[in-house]
């Protein structure tokens, strides 16, 4: 994982308490991780954060839909 302080000012994805937050990393302290999302500012307790990664490293792949049986 990249150094979290090097991601300040960049778009990140934060996983905390099983939820995914995407926004710009504003500040990291011993107590909280602060991000600015599209709609609000979010402060997440460090103890609840399981991962912080650059948003561009998130891969989204969608498999094309294939129907197993042909339609009658």
N, C-alpha and C. Protein backbone atom coordinates (compact mmCIF):
# COMPACT_ATOMS: atom_id res chain seq x y z
N UNK A 1 0.85 -1.19 0.00
CA UNK A 1 0.00 0.00 0.00
C UNK A 1 0.88 1.24 0.00
N UNK A 2 0.50 2.21 -0.77
CA UNK A 2 1.24 3.46 -0.84
C UNK A 2 1.14 4.20 0.50
N UNK A 3 2.13 5.05 0.79
CA UNK A 3 2.10 5.85 2.01
C UNK A 3 0.87 6.75 1.98
N UNK A 4 0.08 6.68 3.03
CA UNK A 4 -1.19 7.41 3.05
C UNK A 4 -0.99 8.93 2.95
N UNK A 5 0.07 9.43 3.52
CA UNK A 5 0.30 10.89 3.47
C UNK A 5 0.60 11.37 2.05
N UNK A 6 1.12 10.49 1.21
CA UNK A 6 1.40 10.88 -0.18
C UNK A 6 0.11 10.98 -0.99
N UNK A 7 -1.00 10.48 -0.45
CA UNK A 7 -2.28 10.52 -1.15
C UNK A 7 -3.12 11.75 -0.78
N UNK A 8 -2.65 12.57 0.14
CA UNK A 8 -3.39 13.78 0.52
C UNK A 8 -3.56 14.67 -0.71
N UNK A 9 -4.80 15.12 -0.92
CA UNK A 9 -5.12 15.96 -2.07
C UNK A 9 -5.51 15.17 -3.30
N UNK A 10 -5.48 13.85 -3.20
CA UNK A 10 -5.81 13.00 -4.34
C UNK A 10 -7.09 12.23 -4.05
N UNK A 11 -7.73 11.74 -5.12
CA UNK A 11 -8.94 10.96 -4.95
C UNK A 11 -8.59 9.56 -4.46
N UNK A 12 -9.28 9.15 -3.40
CA UNK A 12 -9.02 7.86 -2.78
C UNK A 12 -10.32 7.10 -2.55
N UNK A 13 -10.16 5.84 -2.26
CA UNK A 13 -11.27 5.01 -1.81
C UNK A 13 -10.90 4.53 -0.41
N UNK A 14 -11.80 4.73 0.55
CA UNK A 14 -11.56 4.34 1.93
C UNK A 14 -12.60 3.29 2.31
N UNK A 15 -12.13 2.19 2.90
CA UNK A 15 -13.03 1.17 3.41
C UNK A 15 -13.02 1.29 4.93
N UNK A 16 -14.21 1.52 5.50
CA UNK A 16 -14.34 1.67 6.94
C UNK A 16 -15.66 1.05 7.38
N UNK A 17 -15.60 0.18 8.38
CA UNK A 17 -16.79 -0.50 8.89
C UNK A 17 -17.60 -1.17 7.79
N UNK A 18 -16.91 -1.73 6.81
CA UNK A 18 -17.60 -2.42 5.72
C UNK A 18 -18.23 -1.52 4.68
N UNK A 19 -18.06 -0.22 4.82
CA UNK A 19 -18.61 0.75 3.85
C UNK A 19 -17.46 1.30 3.00
N UNK A 20 -17.79 1.66 1.76
CA UNK A 20 -16.80 2.24 0.85
C UNK A 20 -17.10 3.72 0.69
N UNK A 21 -16.10 4.55 0.92
CA UNK A 21 -16.21 5.99 0.74
C UNK A 21 -15.22 6.40 -0.33
N UNK A 22 -15.66 7.25 -1.26
CA UNK A 22 -14.79 7.73 -2.32
C UNK A 22 -14.78 9.24 -2.28
N UNK A 23 -13.59 9.82 -2.27
CA UNK A 23 -13.47 11.27 -2.24
C UNK A 23 -12.02 11.69 -2.22
N UNK A 24 -11.80 12.98 -1.99
CA UNK A 24 -10.45 13.52 -1.93
C UNK A 24 -9.96 13.44 -0.49
N UNK A 25 -8.79 12.86 -0.30
CA UNK A 25 -8.20 12.75 1.03
C UNK A 25 -7.71 14.13 1.46
N UNK A 26 -8.26 14.61 2.57
CA UNK A 26 -7.95 15.96 3.05
C UNK A 26 -6.90 15.95 4.14
N UNK A 27 -7.07 15.06 5.13
CA UNK A 27 -6.18 15.05 6.28
C UNK A 27 -6.19 13.68 6.93
N UNK A 28 -5.04 13.32 7.50
CA UNK A 28 -4.91 12.08 8.26
C UNK A 28 -4.25 12.42 9.58
N UNK A 29 -4.88 12.01 10.68
CA UNK A 29 -4.29 12.22 12.00
C UNK A 29 -4.25 10.89 12.73
N UNK A 30 -3.80 10.91 13.98
CA UNK A 30 -3.79 9.68 14.78
C UNK A 30 -5.20 9.22 15.11
N UNK A 31 -6.17 10.12 15.00
CA UNK A 31 -7.55 9.81 15.40
C UNK A 31 -8.50 9.62 14.22
N UNK A 32 -8.35 10.43 13.16
CA UNK A 32 -9.34 10.44 12.08
C UNK A 32 -8.71 10.50 10.70
N UNK A 33 -9.49 10.02 9.72
CA UNK A 33 -9.19 10.18 8.30
C UNK A 33 -10.30 11.07 7.75
N UNK A 34 -9.92 12.21 7.17
CA UNK A 34 -10.89 13.17 6.64
C UNK A 34 -10.86 13.13 5.12
N UNK A 35 -12.06 12.94 4.53
CA UNK A 35 -12.17 13.00 3.08
C UNK A 35 -13.33 13.91 2.70
N UNK A 36 -13.23 14.48 1.51
CA UNK A 36 -14.30 15.30 0.96
C UNK A 36 -14.93 14.50 -0.17
N UNK A 37 -16.18 14.06 0.05
CA UNK A 37 -16.90 13.31 -0.97
C UNK A 37 -17.63 14.28 -1.88
N UNK A 38 -18.36 13.76 -2.83
CA UNK A 38 -19.10 14.61 -3.76
C UNK A 38 -20.17 15.44 -3.04
N UNK A 39 -20.69 14.93 -1.93
CA UNK A 39 -21.80 15.62 -1.26
C UNK A 39 -21.48 16.19 0.11
N UNK A 40 -20.40 15.73 0.75
CA UNK A 40 -20.15 16.17 2.12
C UNK A 40 -18.71 15.88 2.53
N UNK A 41 -18.34 16.39 3.69
CA UNK A 41 -17.07 16.08 4.31
C UNK A 41 -17.31 14.93 5.26
N UNK A 42 -16.37 13.98 5.30
CA UNK A 42 -16.52 12.80 6.14
C UNK A 42 -15.27 12.64 7.00
N UNK A 43 -15.48 12.43 8.31
CA UNK A 43 -14.38 12.13 9.23
C UNK A 43 -14.60 10.70 9.72
N UNK A 44 -13.64 9.84 9.43
CA UNK A 44 -13.74 8.43 9.82
C UNK A 44 -12.70 8.13 10.89
N UNK A 45 -13.11 7.49 11.99
CA UNK A 45 -12.13 7.12 13.02
C UNK A 45 -11.11 6.13 12.44
N UNK A 46 -9.84 6.37 12.73
CA UNK A 46 -8.78 5.51 12.21
C UNK A 46 -9.02 4.05 12.61
N UNK A 47 -9.56 3.83 13.79
CA UNK A 47 -9.79 2.46 14.26
C UNK A 47 -10.80 1.70 13.41
N UNK A 48 -11.63 2.41 12.64
CA UNK A 48 -12.63 1.74 11.80
C UNK A 48 -12.16 1.57 10.35
N UNK A 49 -11.06 2.19 9.98
CA UNK A 49 -10.57 2.16 8.60
C UNK A 49 -9.74 0.90 8.36
N UNK A 50 -10.13 0.12 7.37
CA UNK A 50 -9.38 -1.09 7.05
C UNK A 50 -8.50 -0.93 5.82
N UNK A 51 -8.82 0.05 4.94
CA UNK A 51 -8.01 0.24 3.73
C UNK A 51 -8.19 1.64 3.18
N UNK A 52 -7.10 2.19 2.69
CA UNK A 52 -7.12 3.46 1.95
C UNK A 52 -6.27 3.23 0.73
N UNK A 53 -6.85 3.47 -0.46
CA UNK A 53 -6.10 3.25 -1.69
C UNK A 53 -6.47 4.33 -2.71
N UNK A 54 -5.55 4.60 -3.62
CA UNK A 54 -5.87 5.57 -4.67
C UNK A 54 -7.07 5.10 -5.47
N UNK A 55 -7.94 6.02 -5.82
CA UNK A 55 -9.17 5.66 -6.55
C UNK A 55 -8.85 5.07 -7.91
N UNK A 56 -7.76 5.48 -8.55
CA UNK A 56 -7.43 4.96 -9.86
C UNK A 56 -6.93 3.52 -9.82
N UNK A 57 -6.63 3.00 -8.63
CA UNK A 57 -6.17 1.61 -8.53
C UNK A 57 -7.34 0.64 -8.41
N UNK A 58 -8.54 1.18 -8.25
CA UNK A 58 -9.72 0.33 -8.12
C UNK A 58 -10.12 -0.17 -9.50
N UNK A 59 -10.18 -1.47 -9.65
CA UNK A 59 -10.54 -2.04 -10.94
C UNK A 59 -12.00 -2.42 -10.93
N UNK A 60 -12.69 -2.06 -11.96
CA UNK A 60 -14.09 -2.43 -12.10
C UNK A 60 -14.21 -3.20 -13.41
N UNK A 61 -14.54 -4.46 -13.31
CA UNK A 61 -14.73 -5.25 -14.53
C UNK A 61 -16.14 -5.81 -14.52
N UNK A 62 -16.77 -5.74 -15.65
CA UNK A 62 -18.10 -6.30 -15.81
C UNK A 62 -18.03 -7.37 -16.88
N UNK A 63 -18.50 -8.53 -16.53
CA UNK A 63 -18.54 -9.60 -17.51
C UNK A 63 -19.76 -9.39 -18.40
N UNK A 64 -19.63 -9.62 -19.69
CA UNK A 64 -20.80 -9.50 -20.57
C UNK A 64 -21.82 -10.57 -20.20
N UNK A 65 -23.07 -10.22 -20.35
CA UNK A 65 -24.14 -11.15 -20.04
C UNK A 65 -24.22 -12.22 -21.12
N UNK A 66 -24.19 -13.47 -20.70
CA UNK A 66 -24.35 -14.60 -21.62
C UNK A 66 -25.47 -15.48 -21.10
N UNK A 67 -26.45 -15.68 -21.93
CA UNK A 67 -27.54 -16.55 -21.52
C UNK A 67 -27.14 -17.98 -21.84
N UNK A 68 -27.32 -18.86 -20.86
CA UNK A 68 -26.90 -20.25 -21.04
C UNK A 68 -27.75 -21.02 -22.03
N UNK A 69 -29.03 -20.76 -22.03
CA UNK A 69 -29.92 -21.51 -22.94
C UNK A 69 -30.51 -20.55 -23.96
N UNK A 70 -30.59 -20.97 -25.21
CA UNK A 70 -31.18 -20.08 -26.23
C UNK A 70 -32.69 -19.93 -26.01
N UNK A 71 -33.20 -18.77 -26.38
CA UNK A 71 -34.65 -18.52 -26.25
C UNK A 71 -35.39 -19.32 -27.29
N UNK A 72 -36.57 -19.79 -26.94
CA UNK A 72 -37.40 -20.57 -27.89
C UNK A 72 -38.14 -19.68 -28.84
